[in-house]
Amino acid sequence: MKTAAKSAAAVLSVHGEQITVTNPAKPLWPEDGITKLIYLEKLALLSPYLIKHCKNRYLTTIRYPHGIGDKSFYQKNCPTPKPDFVHTAEHGGIHYVHLDSLPALLWLGNLACLEYHASFDQIGNPDYAAEWVLDLDPTLQDEPRIMEAASIVGQLLKSLGIASVPKTSGATGIQIIVPLAQPRSFDELRQLGQFIGDYLSRSHPQLFTVERLTKNRGDLIYVDYLQHYSGKTIAAPYTPRARKGAPVSTPLTWDEVNSGRWQPADFHLLNIIERLQTHGDLLDSAPPQQLDQVLAFIASAKP
């Protein structure tokens, strides 16, 4: 493989901090024409939304030093050396980046951190969740039924009096997010997720499964309620993904889901800013939810 000639480094002045951009012409999504400099420009525009949903969470990034066609690795511990404006949060012996500023985000972007995965647990509060998430994970790489599946889940939640927001994972799946009016234990929410998953797999056995082993799922869509737990992560809202087309994890309206006209790959780095200018942060479209009645019903239905 030929190595492209390095371009001269540039220095950005952001909020009073100096950030050196090494090799700004390096192609990160080569087929989409996205260089490191273009990527950093997009990150800066995404920053109010991406930082909002990563702040106060333990951050895991995925780094692609030579772009998406080359080797990658997960980064949990903060890279070193780090500048003073990059803050960290220690948990379980790991010093995670606390993504709380634009300079910190651009510093990570220069290191070719192309994906940002936020912990479900909040910094310093490992036992309680601020939102509840159901992850619809297709078994097939190309799953044309994913929006149909999301629509069914949204309608079920609505019938239970639960408002929610769908978002693409940025890969092939859809995540259903329910903001909470008060912190809930992960164990409570896992019971709710199991209730929903079991109901969906019984009522739509040709579409949904709660089978954990991929080899046993056939072509069914996995209702993953187990992922939502302390110590686990989610592709953060508005994170880019290191896939062809530079998709971005994007909140949707239920009308978009129900129409069946969209697929997760339709939202990407080259159009997400225009969408945000039109729609704003759709994760704000559902008010925080009280789940007392649903949780009480599940508890009373246990044998």
Foldseek 3Di string as FASTA:
>chain_A
DDDDDADCWDWDQDPNDIAIQTRQQQDAQVVVNQGLVNVLVLCLLCVVPQLVQQAQFFKKFKADQRHLVDDIDIDRADDPPDDPVFAWADDPNGTGTRRHDSVNSSNVSSRRRQFIKTFQAGRPGQFWGQKAKKKWAWLDQADLCQLVVVLVLQVVCVVVVFHWWWKALLGAIIMIMGGAPDIDGLVLSLLVLVVSQVVCCVVPVVEEDCDPDSVPQPGHIHGDRPQNHGPHIGRTQQRFDRDNLRFGTHIDDNVVSVVSPDGRSVHHSVCPSVVCVVVPHCRVVGDHDDCVVVSVVSVVPDD
